[in-house]
PDB file of N, CA and C in Angstrom:
ATOM      1  N   LEU A   1     -14.062   3.378  -5.670  1.00  0.00           N
ATOM      2  CA  LEU A   1     -13.082   2.454  -6.214  1.00  0.00           C
ATOM      3  C   LEU A   1     -13.079   1.167  -5.394  1.00  0.00           C
ATOM      4  N   ALA A   2     -12.960   1.297  -4.076  1.00  0.00           N
ATOM      5  CA  ALA A   2     -12.805   0.124  -3.218  1.00  0.00           C
ATOM      6  C   ALA A   2     -14.030  -0.780  -3.233  1.00  0.00           C
ATOM      7  N   GLY A   3     -15.185  -0.228  -3.444  1.00  0.00           N
ATOM      8  CA  GLY A   3     -16.399  -1.026  -3.431  1.00  0.00           C
ATOM      9  C   GLY A   3     -16.978  -1.314  -4.800  1.00  0.00           C
ATOM     10  N   SER A   4     -16.296  -0.877  -5.852  1.00  0.00           N
ATOM     11  CA  SER A   4     -16.863  -0.990  -7.201  1.00  0.00           C
ATOM     12  C   SER A   4     -16.792  -2.388  -7.794  1.00  0.00           C
ATOM     13  N   GLY A   5     -15.852  -3.217  -7.332  1.00  0.00           N
ATOM     14  CA  GLY A   5     -15.642  -4.522  -7.946  1.00  0.00           C
ATOM     15  C   GLY A   5     -14.807  -4.467  -9.208  1.00  0.00           C
ATOM     16  N   LEU A   6     -14.350  -3.281  -9.572  1.00  0.00           N
ATOM     17  CA  LEU A   6     -13.572  -3.115 -10.800  1.00  0.00           C
ATOM     18  C   LEU A   6     -12.070  -3.211 -10.599  1.00  0.00           C
ATOM     19  N   PHE A   7     -11.636  -3.148  -9.333  1.00  0.00           N
ATOM     20  CA  PHE A   7     -10.210  -3.090  -9.044  1.00  0.00           C
ATOM     21  C   PHE A   7      -9.816  -4.119  -8.003  1.00  0.00           C
ATOM     22  N   ASN A   8      -8.587  -4.623  -8.110  1.00  0.00           N
ATOM     23  CA  ASN A   8      -8.031  -5.537  -7.125  1.00  0.00           C
ATOM     24  C   ASN A   8      -7.073  -4.838  -6.179  1.00  0.00           C
ATOM     25  N   ILE A   9      -6.539  -3.694  -6.599  1.00  0.00           N
ATOM     26  CA  ILE A   9      -5.496  -3.002  -5.835  1.00  0.00           C
ATOM     27  C   ILE A   9      -5.785  -1.507  -5.830  1.00  0.00           C
ATOM     28  N   ALA A  10      -5.576  -0.884  -4.675  1.00  0.00           N
ATOM     29  CA  ALA A  10      -5.627   0.577  -4.552  1.00  0.00           C
ATOM     30  C   ALA A  10      -4.274   1.034  -4.038  1.00  0.00           C
ATOM     31  N   GLY A  11      -3.783   2.122  -4.565  1.00  0.00           N
ATOM     32  CA  GLY A  11      -2.461   2.567  -4.149  1.00  0.00           C
ATOM     33  C   GLY A  11      -2.321   4.066  -4.059  1.00  0.00           C
ATOM     34  N   HIS A  12      -1.125   4.476  -3.672  1.00  0.00           N
ATOM     35  CA  HIS A  12      -0.754   5.887  -3.606  1.00  0.00           C
ATOM     36  C   HIS A  12      -1.640   6.665  -2.629  1.00  0.00           C
ATOM     37  N   PHE A  13      -1.932   6.082  -1.485  1.00  0.00           N
ATOM     38  CA  PHE A  13      -2.839   6.710  -0.523  1.00  0.00           C
ATOM     39  C   PHE A  13      -2.391   8.090  -0.080  1.00  0.00           C
ATOM     40  N   ASP A  14      -1.126   8.284   0.068  1.00  0.00           N
ATOM     41  CA  ASP A  14      -0.641   9.592   0.512  1.00  0.00           C
ATOM     42  C   ASP A  14       0.423  10.141  -0.443  1.00  0.00           C
ATOM     43  N   ILE A  15       0.180   9.968  -1.727  1.00  0.00           N
ATOM     44  CA  ILE A  15       1.142  10.437  -2.730  1.00  0.00           C
ATOM     45  C   ILE A  15       1.343  11.950  -2.679  1.00  0.00           C
ATOM     46  N   ILE A  16       0.415  12.655  -2.092  1.00  0.00           N
ATOM     47  CA  ILE A  16       0.533  14.111  -2.000  1.00  0.00           C
ATOM     48  C   ILE A  16       1.838  14.528  -1.314  1.00  0.00           C
ATOM     49  N   LYS A  17       2.362  13.649  -0.453  1.00  0.00           N
ATOM     50  CA  LYS A  17       3.625  13.976   0.224  1.00  0.00           C
ATOM     51  C   LYS A  17       4.786  14.056  -0.769  1.00  0.00           C
ATOM     52  N   LYS A  18       4.619  13.441  -1.933  1.00  0.00           N
ATOM     53  CA  LYS A  18       5.637  13.534  -2.988  1.00  0.00           C
ATOM     54  C   LYS A  18       5.887  14.985  -3.375  1.00  0.00           C
ATOM     55  N   PHE A  19       4.851  15.811  -3.236  1.00  0.00           N
ATOM     56  CA  PHE A  19       4.933  17.211  -3.631  1.00  0.00           C
ATOM     57  C   PHE A  19       5.151  18.144  -2.442  1.00  0.00           C
ATOM     58  N   GLY A  20       5.517  17.563  -1.296  1.00  0.00           N
ATOM     59  CA  GLY A  20       5.855  18.363  -0.131  1.00  0.00           C
ATOM     60  C   GLY A  20       4.705  18.707   0.788  1.00  0.00           C
ATOM     61  N   TYR A  21       3.540  18.123   0.557  1.00  0.00           N
ATOM     62  CA  TYR A  21       2.380  18.411   1.403  1.00  0.00           C
ATOM     63  C   TYR A  21       2.161  17.301   2.417  1.00  0.00           C
ATOM     64  N   ARG A  22       1.796  17.674   3.608  1.00  0.00           N
ATOM     65  CA  ARG A  22       1.472  16.721   4.674  1.00  0.00           C
ATOM     66  C   ARG A  22       0.137  17.116   5.286  1.00  0.00           C
ATOM     67  N   ALA A  23      -0.583  16.160   5.788  1.00  0.00           N
ATOM     68  CA  ALA A  23      -1.884  16.426   6.410  1.00  0.00           C
ATOM     69  C   ALA A  23      -1.707  17.336   7.620  1.00  0.00           C
ATOM     70  N   ASP A  24      -2.622  18.263   7.761  1.00  0.00           N
ATOM     71  CA  ASP A  24      -2.574  19.155   8.924  1.00  0.00           C
ATOM     72  C   ASP A  24      -3.700  18.843   9.910  1.00  0.00           C
ATOM     73  N   ARG A  25      -4.378  17.720   9.680  1.00  0.00           N
ATOM     74  CA  ARG A  25      -5.406  17.251  10.616  1.00  0.00           C
ATOM     75  C   ARG A  25      -5.454  15.733  10.567  1.00  0.00           C
ATOM     76  N   ASP A  26      -6.194  15.163  11.478  1.00  0.00           N
ATOM     77  CA  ASP A  26      -6.275  13.708  11.589  1.00  0.00           C
ATOM     78  C   ASP A  26      -7.121  13.129  10.451  1.00  0.00           C
ATOM     79  N   PHE A  27      -6.490  12.372   9.574  1.00  0.00           N
ATOM     80  CA  PHE A  27      -7.179  11.755   8.449  1.00  0.00           C
ATOM     81  C   PHE A  27      -7.446  10.268   8.676  1.00  0.00           C
ATOM     82  N   ILE A  28      -7.012   9.750   9.810  1.00  0.00           N
ATOM     83  CA  ILE A  28      -7.127   8.309  10.072  1.00  0.00           C
ATOM     84  C   ILE A  28      -8.574   7.812  10.027  1.00  0.00           C
ATOM     85  N   PRO A  29      -9.567   8.543  10.560  1.00  0.00           N
ATOM     86  CA  PRO A  29     -10.947   8.050  10.440  1.00  0.00           C
ATOM     87  C   PRO A  29     -11.378   7.826   8.989  1.00  0.00           C
ATOM     88  N   ALA A  30     -10.972   8.699   8.076  1.00  0.00           N
ATOM     89  CA  ALA A  30     -11.309   8.516   6.659  1.00  0.00           C
ATOM     90  C   ALA A  30     -10.601   7.290   6.093  1.00  0.00           C
ATOM     91  N   VAL A  31      -9.335   7.098   6.466  1.00  0.00           N
ATOM     92  CA  VAL A  31      -8.590   5.923   6.003  1.00  0.00           C
ATOM     93  C   VAL A  31      -9.233   4.649   6.538  1.00  0.00           C
ATOM     94  N   GLU A  32      -9.660   4.655   7.796  1.00  0.00           N
ATOM     95  CA  GLU A  32     -10.318   3.481   8.373  1.00  0.00           C
ATOM     96  C   GLU A  32     -11.596   3.132   7.613  1.00  0.00           C
ATOM     97  N   LYS A  33     -12.371   4.131   7.252  1.00  0.00           N
ATOM     98  CA  LYS A  33     -13.606   3.887   6.496  1.00  0.00           C
ATOM     99  C   LYS A  33     -13.288   3.228   5.155  1.00  0.00           C
ATOM    100  N   ILE A  34     -12.305   3.760   4.453  1.00  0.00           N
ATOM    101  CA  ILE A  34     -11.897   3.192   3.163  1.00  0.00           C
ATOM    102  C   ILE A  34     -11.320   1.793   3.357  1.00  0.00           C
ATOM    103  N   ALA A  35     -10.513   1.608   4.389  1.00  0.00           N
ATOM    104  CA  ALA A  35      -9.890   0.305   4.647  1.00  0.00           C
ATOM    105  C   ALA A  35     -10.944  -0.771   4.900  1.00  0.00           C
ATOM    106  N   ARG A  36     -11.985  -0.436   5.623  1.00  0.00           N
ATOM    107  CA  ARG A  36     -13.055  -1.425   5.870  1.00  0.00           C
ATOM    108  C   ARG A  36     -13.731  -1.832   4.564  1.00  0.00           C
ATOM    109  N   ILE A  37     -13.943  -0.871   3.675  1.00  0.00           N
ATOM    110  CA  ILE A  37     -14.537  -1.178   2.366  1.00  0.00           C
ATOM    111  C   ILE A  37     -13.586  -2.041   1.552  1.00  0.00           C
ATOM    112  N   MET A  38     -12.300  -1.715   1.584  1.00  0.00           N
ATOM    113  CA  MET A  38     -11.310  -2.515   0.861  1.00  0.00           C
ATOM    114  C   MET A  38     -11.308  -3.953   1.364  1.00  0.00           C
ATOM    115  N   ALA A  39     -11.274  -4.127   2.678  1.00  0.00           N
ATOM    116  CA  ALA A  39     -11.234  -5.475   3.262  1.00  0.00           C
ATOM    117  C   ALA A  39     -12.486  -6.267   2.884  1.00  0.00           C
ATOM    118  N   ALA A  40     -13.636  -5.629   2.932  1.00  0.00           N
ATOM    119  CA  ALA A  40     -14.891  -6.314   2.608  1.00  0.00           C
ATOM    120  C   ALA A  40     -14.951  -6.748   1.148  1.00  0.00           C
ATOM    121  N   ASN A  41     -14.206  -6.052   0.296  1.00  0.00           N
ATOM    122  CA  ASN A  41     -14.223  -6.351  -1.136  1.00  0.00           C
ATOM    123  C   ASN A  41     -12.934  -6.996  -1.630  1.00  0.00           C
ATOM    124  N   ASP A  42     -12.081  -7.422  -0.688  1.00  0.00           N
ATOM    125  CA  ASP A  42     -10.825  -8.104  -1.010  1.00  0.00           C
ATOM    126  C   ASP A  42      -9.936  -7.275  -1.934  1.00  0.00           C
ATOM    127  N   VAL A  43      -9.903  -5.965  -1.696  1.00  0.00           N
ATOM    128  CA  VAL A  43      -9.039  -5.056  -2.446  1.00  0.00           C
ATOM    129  C   VAL A  43      -7.751  -4.869  -1.647  1.00  0.00           C
ATOM    130  N   ALA A  44      -6.633  -5.143  -2.280  1.00  0.00           N
ATOM    131  CA  ALA A  44      -5.332  -5.009  -1.622  1.00  0.00           C
ATOM    132  C   ALA A  44      -4.832  -3.565  -1.709  1.00  0.00           C
ATOM    133  N   ALA A  45      -4.019  -3.194  -0.738  1.00  0.00           N
ATOM    134  CA  ALA A  45      -3.348  -1.897  -0.751  1.00  0.00           C
ATOM    135  C   ALA A  45      -1.947  -2.080  -1.315  1.00  0.00           C
ATOM    136  N   GLU A  46      -1.571  -1.218  -2.225  1.00  0.00           N
ATOM    137  CA  GLU A  46      -0.222  -1.265  -2.768  1.00  0.00           C
ATOM    138  C   GLU A  46       0.738  -0.551  -1.828  1.00  0.00           C
ATOM    139  N   ILE A  47       1.830  -1.210  -1.512  1.00  0.00           N
ATOM    140  CA  ILE A  47       2.938  -0.603  -0.795  1.00  0.00           C
ATOM    141  C   ILE A  47       3.952  -0.270  -1.880  1.00  0.00           C
ATOM    142  N   ASN A  48       4.137   1.023  -2.131  1.00  0.00           N
ATOM    143  CA  ASN A  48       4.897   1.471  -3.283  1.00  0.00           C
ATOM    144  C   ASN A  48       6.189   2.148  -2.847  1.00  0.00           C
ATOM    145  N   THR A  49       7.298   1.704  -3.410  1.00  0.00           N
ATOM    146  CA  THR A  49       8.618   2.193  -3.015  1.00  0.00           C
ATOM    147  C   THR A  49       9.066   3.443  -3.762  1.00  0.00           C
ATOM    148  N   ALA A  50       8.312   3.908  -4.738  1.00  0.00           N
ATOM    149  CA  ALA A  50       8.748   5.048  -5.551  1.00  0.00           C
ATOM    150  C   ALA A  50       8.978   6.306  -4.714  1.00  0.00           C
ATOM    151  N   GLY A  51       8.251   6.472  -3.643  1.00  0.00           N
ATOM    152  CA  GLY A  51       8.416   7.660  -2.810  1.00  0.00           C
ATOM    153  C   GLY A  51       9.800   7.807  -2.218  1.00  0.00           C
ATOM    154  N   MET A  52      10.525   6.698  -2.109  1.00  0.00           N
ATOM    155  CA  MET A  52      11.887   6.746  -1.568  1.00  0.00           C
ATOM    156  C   MET A  52      12.815   7.572  -2.459  1.00  0.00           C
ATOM    157  N   ALA A  53      12.485   7.682  -3.737  1.00  0.00           N
ATOM    158  CA  ALA A  53      13.329   8.410  -4.682  1.00  0.00           C
ATOM    159  C   ALA A  53      12.881   9.862  -4.869  1.00  0.00           C
ATOM    160  N   HIS A  54      11.891  10.273  -4.098  1.00  0.00           N
ATOM    161  CA  HIS A  54      11.364  11.634  -4.191  1.00  0.00           C
ATOM    162  C   HIS A  54      11.630  12.370  -2.879  1.00  0.00           C
ATOM    163  N   PRO A  55      11.372  13.658  -2.839  1.00  0.00           N
ATOM    164  CA  PRO A  55      11.610  14.402  -1.599  1.00  0.00           C
ATOM    165  C   PRO A  55      10.892  13.825  -0.373  1.00  0.00           C
ATOM    166  N   ALA A  56       9.799  13.128  -0.579  1.00  0.00           N
ATOM    167  CA  ALA A  56       9.098  12.501   0.552  1.00  0.00           C
ATOM    168  C   ALA A  56      10.031  11.531   1.276  1.00  0.00           C
ATOM    169  N   ALA A  57      10.892  10.865   0.527  1.00  0.00           N
ATOM    170  CA  ALA A  57      11.882   9.920   1.047  1.00  0.00           C
ATOM    171  C   ALA A  57      11.275   8.832   1.901  1.00  0.00           C
ATOM    172  N   GLU A  58      10.064   8.416   1.557  1.00  0.00           N
ATOM    173  CA  GLU A  58       9.439   7.299   2.250  1.00  0.00           C
ATOM    174  C   GLU A  58       8.446   6.606   1.334  1.00  0.00           C
ATOM    175  N   VAL A  59       8.143   5.394   1.712  1.00  0.00           N
ATOM    176  CA  VAL A  59       7.225   4.549   0.964  1.00  0.00           C
ATOM    177  C   VAL A  59       5.812   5.117   1.060  1.00  0.00           C
ATOM    178  N   TYR A  60       5.016   4.882   0.015  1.00  0.00           N
ATOM    179  CA  TYR A  60       3.577   5.155   0.083  1.00  0.00           C
ATOM    180  C   TYR A  60       2.913   3.837   0.429  1.00  0.00           C
ATOM    181  N   PRO A  61       2.124   3.722   1.424  1.00  0.00           N
ATOM    182  CA  PRO A  61       1.630   4.739   2.338  1.00  0.00           C
ATOM    183  C   PRO A  61       2.524   4.874   3.571  1.00  0.00           C
ATOM    184  N   SER A  62       2.198   5.845   4.388  1.00  0.00           N
ATOM    185  CA  SER A  62       2.910   6.077   5.647  1.00  0.00           C
ATOM    186  C   SER A  62       2.694   4.910   6.610  1.00  0.00           C
ATOM    187  N   ASP A  63       3.500   4.871   7.647  1.00  0.00           N
ATOM    188  CA  ASP A  63       3.336   3.840   8.680  1.00  0.00           C
ATOM    189  C   ASP A  63       1.948   3.909   9.314  1.00  0.00           C
ATOM    190  N   ALA A  64       1.444   5.113   9.545  1.00  0.00           N
ATOM    191  CA  ALA A  64       0.125   5.266  10.178  1.00  0.00           C
ATOM    192  C   ALA A  64      -0.971   4.648   9.311  1.00  0.00           C
ATOM    193  N   ILE A  65      -0.900   4.862   8.007  1.00  0.00           N
ATOM    194  CA  ILE A  65      -1.901   4.281   7.108  1.00  0.00           C
ATOM    195  C   ILE A  65      -1.725   2.773   7.026  1.00  0.00           C
ATOM    196  N   LEU A  66      -0.496   2.305   6.945  1.00  0.00           N
ATOM    197  CA  LEU A  66      -0.245   0.863   6.895  1.00  0.00           C
ATOM    198  C   LEU A  66      -0.772   0.190   8.161  1.00  0.00           C
ATOM    199  N   ASP A  67      -0.620   0.817   9.306  1.00  0.00           N
ATOM    200  CA  ASP A  67      -1.165   0.268  10.551  1.00  0.00           C
ATOM    201  C   ASP A  67      -2.683   0.124  10.476  1.00  0.00           C
ATOM    202  N   VAL A  68      -3.355   1.105   9.901  1.00  0.00           N
ATOM    203  CA  VAL A  68      -4.809   1.016   9.725  1.00  0.00           C
ATOM    204  C   VAL A  68      -5.147  -0.156   8.824  1.00  0.00           C
ATOM    205  N   PHE A  69      -4.427  -0.301   7.724  1.00  0.00           N
ATOM    206  CA  PHE A  69      -4.677  -1.418   6.817  1.00  0.00           C
ATOM    207  C   PHE A  69      -4.542  -2.746   7.546  1.00  0.00           C
ATOM    208  N   PHE A  70      -3.506  -2.882   8.345  1.00  0.00           N
ATOM    209  CA  PHE A  70      -3.304  -4.134   9.075  1.00  0.00           C
ATOM    210  C   PHE A  70      -4.459  -4.382  10.049  1.00  0.00           C
ATOM    211  N   ARG A  71      -4.816  -3.373  10.823  1.00  0.00           N
ATOM    212  CA  ARG A  71      -5.912  -3.526  11.800  1.00  0.00           C
ATOM    213  C   ARG A  71      -7.237  -3.881  11.127  1.00  0.00           C
ATOM    214  N   CYS A  72      -7.423  -3.390   9.910  1.00  0.00           N
ATOM    215  CA  CYS A  72      -8.680  -3.628   9.193  1.00  0.00           C
ATOM    216  C   CYS A  72      -8.626  -4.851   8.278  1.00  0.00           C
ATOM    217  N   ASN A  73      -7.528  -5.605   8.341  1.00  0.00           N
ATOM    218  CA  ASN A  73      -7.364  -6.831   7.544  1.00  0.00           C
ATOM    219  C   ASN A  73      -7.351  -6.583   6.038  1.00  0.00           C
ATOM    220  N   VAL A  74      -6.726  -5.488   5.636  1.00  0.00           N
ATOM    221  CA  VAL A  74      -6.560  -5.202   4.210  1.00  0.00           C
ATOM    222  C   VAL A  74      -5.299  -5.915   3.736  1.00  0.00           C
ATOM    223  N   PRO A  75      -5.407  -6.753   2.710  1.00  0.00           N
ATOM    224  CA  PRO A  75      -4.195  -7.393   2.175  1.00  0.00           C
ATOM    225  C   PRO A  75      -3.307  -6.341   1.510  1.00  0.00           C
ATOM    226  N   VAL A  76      -2.009  -6.639   1.406  1.00  0.00           N
ATOM    227  CA  VAL A  76      -1.076  -5.708   0.770  1.00  0.00           C
ATOM    228  C   VAL A  76      -0.308  -6.392  -0.346  1.00  0.00           C
ATOM    229  N   THR A  77       0.126  -5.587  -1.287  1.00  0.00           N
ATOM    230  CA  THR A  77       0.966  -6.036  -2.383  1.00  0.00           C
ATOM    231  C   THR A  77       2.072  -5.001  -2.579  1.00  0.00           C
ATOM    232  N   LEU A  78       3.036  -5.298  -3.407  1.00  0.00           N
ATOM    233  CA  LEU A  78       4.183  -4.411  -3.612  1.00  0.00           C
ATOM    234  C   LEU A  78       4.187  -3.820  -5.019  1.00  0.00           C
ATOM    235  N   GLY A  79       4.663  -2.593  -5.105  1.00  0.00           N
ATOM    236  CA  GLY A  79       4.847  -1.932  -6.388  1.00  0.00           C
ATOM    237  C   GLY A  79       6.047  -1.004  -6.313  1.00  0.00           C
ATOM    238  N   SER A  80       6.663  -0.738  -7.458  1.00  0.00           N
ATOM    239  CA  SER A  80       7.828   0.147  -7.475  1.00  0.00           C
ATOM    240  C   SER A  80       7.703   1.281  -8.486  1.00  0.00           C
ATOM    241  N   ASP A  81       6.578   1.352  -9.211  1.00  0.00           N
ATOM    242  CA  ASP A  81       6.452   2.362 -10.278  1.00  0.00           C
ATOM    243  C   ASP A  81       7.721   2.396 -11.102  1.00  0.00           C
ATOM    244  N   ALA A  82       8.152   1.254 -11.564  1.00  0.00           N
ATOM    245  CA  ALA A  82       9.460   1.099 -12.193  1.00  0.00           C
ATOM    246  C   ALA A  82       9.690   2.049 -13.367  1.00  0.00           C
ATOM    247  N   HIS A  83       8.829   2.044 -14.338  1.00  0.00           N
ATOM    248  CA  HIS A  83       8.978   2.879 -15.533  1.00  0.00           C
ATOM    249  C   HIS A  83      10.288   2.645 -16.281  1.00  0.00           C
ATOM    250  N   ALA A  84      11.108   1.737 -15.795  1.00  0.00           N
ATOM    251  CA  ALA A  84      12.352   1.351 -16.472  1.00  0.00           C
ATOM    252  C   ALA A  84      12.765  -0.010 -15.901  1.00  0.00           C
ATOM    253  N   PRO A  85      13.312  -0.898 -16.732  1.00  0.00           N
ATOM    254  CA  PRO A  85      13.645  -2.242 -16.262  1.00  0.00           C
ATOM    255  C   PRO A  85      14.543  -2.284 -15.035  1.00  0.00           C
ATOM    256  N   GLU A  86      15.501  -1.373 -14.940  1.00  0.00           N
ATOM    257  CA  GLU A  86      16.436  -1.411 -13.807  1.00  0.00           C
ATOM    258  C   GLU A  86      15.785  -0.986 -12.490  1.00  0.00           C
ATOM    259  N   ARG A  87      14.581  -0.475 -12.540  1.00  0.00           N
ATOM    260  CA  ARG A  87      13.891  -0.062 -11.312  1.00  0.00           C
ATOM    261  C   ARG A  87      12.859  -1.074 -10.827  1.00  0.00           C
ATOM    262  N   ILE A  88      12.705  -2.165 -11.538  1.00  0.00           N
ATOM    263  CA  ILE A  88      11.749  -3.200 -11.117  1.00  0.00           C
ATOM    264  C   ILE A  88      12.173  -3.746  -9.761  1.00  0.00           C
ATOM    265  N   ALA A  89      11.235  -3.775  -8.839  1.00  0.00           N
ATOM    266  CA  ALA A  89      11.442  -4.288  -7.469  1.00  0.00           C
ATOM    267  C   ALA A  89      12.446  -3.465  -6.669  1.00  0.00           C
ATOM    268  N   ARG A  90      12.698  -2.238  -7.083  1.00  0.00           N
ATOM    269  CA  ARG A  90      13.638  -1.375  -6.376  1.00  0.00           C
ATOM    270  C   ARG A  90      13.153  -1.133  -4.949  1.00  0.00           C
ATOM    271  N   LEU A  91      14.030  -1.352  -4.000  1.00  0.00           N
ATOM    272  CA  LEU A  91      13.800  -1.116  -2.569  1.00  0.00           C
ATOM    273  C   LEU A  91      12.731  -2.030  -1.960  1.00  0.00           C
ATOM    274  N   PHE A  92      12.488  -3.168  -2.595  1.00  0.00           N
ATOM    275  CA  PHE A  92      11.499  -4.100  -2.036  1.00  0.00           C
ATOM    276  C   PHE A  92      11.947  -4.670  -0.693  1.00  0.00           C
ATOM    277  N   THR A  93      13.245  -4.842  -0.481  1.00  0.00           N
ATOM    278  CA  THR A  93      13.725  -5.350   0.809  1.00  0.00           C
ATOM    279  C   THR A  93      13.288  -4.417   1.932  1.00  0.00           C
ATOM    280  N   GLU A  94      13.452  -3.115   1.722  1.00  0.00           N
ATOM    281  CA  GLU A  94      13.028  -2.137   2.723  1.00  0.00           C
ATOM    282  C   GLU A  94      11.514  -2.164   2.916  1.00  0.00           C
ATOM    283  N   ALA A  95      10.770  -2.277   1.816  1.00  0.00           N
ATOM    284  CA  ALA A  95       9.312  -2.312   1.898  1.00  0.00           C
ATOM    285  C   ALA A  95       8.830  -3.558   2.645  1.00  0.00           C
ATOM    286  N   ILE A  96       9.468  -4.687   2.403  1.00  0.00           N
ATOM    287  CA  ILE A  96       9.082  -5.916   3.107  1.00  0.00           C
ATOM    288  C   ILE A  96       9.342  -5.765   4.598  1.00  0.00           C
ATOM    289  N   GLY A  97      10.439  -5.124   4.971  1.00  0.00           N
ATOM    290  CA  GLY A  97      10.696  -4.857   6.385  1.00  0.00           C
ATOM    291  C   GLY A  97       9.588  -4.017   6.997  1.00  0.00           C
ATOM    292  N   LYS A  98       9.158  -2.990   6.287  1.00  0.00           N
ATOM    293  CA  LYS A  98       8.073  -2.118   6.755  1.00  0.00           C
ATOM    294  C   LYS A  98       6.781  -2.924   6.917  1.00  0.00           C
ATOM    295  N   ILE A  99       6.489  -3.764   5.955  1.00  0.00           N
ATOM    296  CA  ILE A  99       5.279  -4.580   5.989  1.00  0.00           C
ATOM    297  C   ILE A  99       5.324  -5.533   7.184  1.00  0.00           C
ATOM    298  N   ARG A 100       6.459  -6.165   7.400  1.00  0.00           N
ATOM    299  CA  ARG A 100       6.611  -7.069   8.552  1.00  0.00           C
ATOM    300  C   ARG A 100       6.446  -6.324   9.871  1.00  0.00           C
ATOM    301  N   ARG A 101       7.045  -5.141   9.995  1.00  0.00           N
ATOM    302  CA  ARG A 101       6.930  -4.361  11.229  1.00  0.00           C
ATOM    303  C   ARG A 101       5.479  -3.990  11.521  1.00  0.00           C
ATOM    304  N   ALA A 102       4.675  -3.838  10.478  1.00  0.00           N
ATOM    305  CA  ALA A 102       3.257  -3.533  10.662  1.00  0.00           C
ATOM    306  C   ALA A 102       2.480  -4.752  11.154  1.00  0.00           C
ATOM    307  N   GLY A 103       3.064  -5.944  11.004  1.00  0.00           N
ATOM    308  CA  GLY A 103       2.407  -7.160  11.475  1.00  0.00           C
ATOM    309  C   GLY A 103       2.058  -8.167  10.398  1.00  0.00           C
ATOM    310  N   TYR A 104       2.221  -7.796   9.156  1.00  0.00           N
ATOM    311  CA  TYR A 104       1.886  -8.709   8.059  1.00  0.00           C
ATOM    312  C   TYR A 104       2.878  -9.863   7.987  1.00  0.00           C
ATOM    313  N   ARG A 105       2.374 -11.013   7.585  1.00  0.00           N
ATOM    314  CA  ARG A 105       3.226 -12.187   7.371  1.00  0.00           C
ATOM    315  C   ARG A 105       3.136 -12.695   5.936  1.00  0.00           C
ATOM    316  N   THR A 106       2.276 -12.047   5.144  1.00  0.00           N
ATOM    317  CA  THR A 106       2.141 -12.385   3.721  1.00  0.00           C
ATOM    318  C   THR A 106       1.930 -11.102   2.928  1.00  0.00           C
ATOM    319  N   ILE A 107       2.232 -11.186   1.636  1.00  0.00           N
ATOM    320  CA  ILE A 107       1.812 -10.166   0.685  1.00  0.00           C
ATOM    321  C   ILE A 107       0.938 -10.872  -0.336  1.00  0.00           C
ATOM    322  N   SER A 108       0.228 -10.118  -1.133  1.00  0.00           N
ATOM    323  CA  SER A 108      -0.698 -10.710  -2.094  1.00  0.00           C
ATOM    324  C   SER A 108      -0.197 -10.571  -3.516  1.00  0.00           C
ATOM    325  N   GLY A 109      -0.508 -11.571  -4.297  1.00  0.00           N
ATOM    326  CA  GLY A 109      -0.324 -11.541  -5.735  1.00  0.00           C
ATOM    327  C   GLY A 109      -1.679 -11.779  -6.369  1.00  0.00           C
ATOM    328  N   PHE A 110      -1.761 -11.606  -7.669  1.00  0.00           N
ATOM    329  CA  PHE A 110      -3.032 -11.800  -8.374  1.00  0.00           C
ATOM    330  C   PHE A 110      -2.797 -12.547  -9.663  1.00  0.00           C
ATOM    331  N   GLN A 111      -3.719 -13.443  -9.959  1.00  0.00           N
ATOM    332  CA  GLN A 111      -3.718 -14.143 -11.237  1.00  0.00           C
ATOM    333  C   GLN A 111      -5.160 -14.217 -11.705  1.00  0.00           C
ATOM    334  N   LYS A 112      -5.416 -13.654 -12.871  1.00  0.00           N
ATOM    335  CA  LYS A 112      -6.773 -13.589 -13.413  1.00  0.00           C
ATOM    336  C   LYS A 112      -7.744 -13.006 -12.390  1.00  0.00           C
ATOM    337  N   ARG A 113      -7.305 -11.949 -11.715  1.00  0.00           N
ATOM    338  CA  ARG A 113      -8.083 -11.201 -10.726  1.00  0.00           C
ATOM    339  C   ARG A 113      -8.384 -11.984  -9.463  1.00  0.00           C
ATOM    340  N   LYS A 114      -7.744 -13.109  -9.277  1.00  0.00           N
ATOM    341  CA  LYS A 114      -7.887 -13.884  -8.038  1.00  0.00           C
ATOM    342  C   LYS A 114      -6.661 -13.650  -7.180  1.00  0.00           C
ATOM    343  N   ARG A 115      -6.895 -13.268  -5.918  1.00  0.00           N
ATOM    344  CA  ARG A 115      -5.802 -12.976  -5.007  1.00  0.00           C
ATOM    345  C   ARG A 115      -5.253 -14.266  -4.411  1.00  0.00           C
ATOM    346  N   TYR A 116      -3.933 -14.308  -4.248  1.00  0.00           N
ATOM    347  CA  TYR A 116      -3.282 -15.408  -3.531  1.00  0.00           C
ATOM    348  C   TYR A 116      -2.228 -14.816  -2.626  1.00  0.00           C
ATOM    349  N   ASP A 117      -1.893 -15.516  -1.557  1.00  0.00           N
ATOM    350  CA  ASP A 117      -0.929 -15.022  -0.576  1.00  0.00           C
ATOM    351  C   ASP A 117       0.450 -15.596  -0.820  1.00  0.00           C
ATOM    352  N   ILE A 118       1.457 -14.757  -0.563  1.00  0.00           N
ATOM    353  CA  ILE A 118       2.858 -15.140  -0.668  1.00  0.00           C
ATOM    354  C   ILE A 118       3.480 -14.919   0.701  1.00  0.00           C
ATOM    355  N   PRO A 119       3.965 -15.987   1.355  1.00  0.00           N
ATOM    356  CA  PRO A 119       4.588 -15.812   2.683  1.00  0.00           C
ATOM    357  C   PRO A 119       5.813 -14.914   2.617  1.00  0.00           C
ATOM    358  N   LEU A 120       5.979 -14.102   3.633  1.00  0.00           N
ATOM    359  CA  LEU A 120       7.173 -13.248   3.707  1.00  0.00           C
ATOM    360  C   LEU A 120       8.312 -13.993   4.364  1.00  0.00           C
TER     361      LEU A 120
END
């Protein structure tokens, strides 16, 4: 996906936690490999707030994965999996705080598949 040229955004890196599962070994080397491919192909990572409303009670991806994205220069964007108008941009304030704590100073938007930066 990250190297195909078909996508601008990859998301839900650790959605499995939505179902109560957590990694039982170090997955960071695999995330780093994917993050380098994403950065080389200008693929942004989605920071998705939907996990806050599930038993995981946290944003996708975890802080550890977001730190890898930052270190590897992967741009980020926001998503809420709204599925209803009243959920659009739900919990974005919290997500922006998380993004800032990771070191980011911009998020990305897209127009006609061209990425642009939005200052935080």
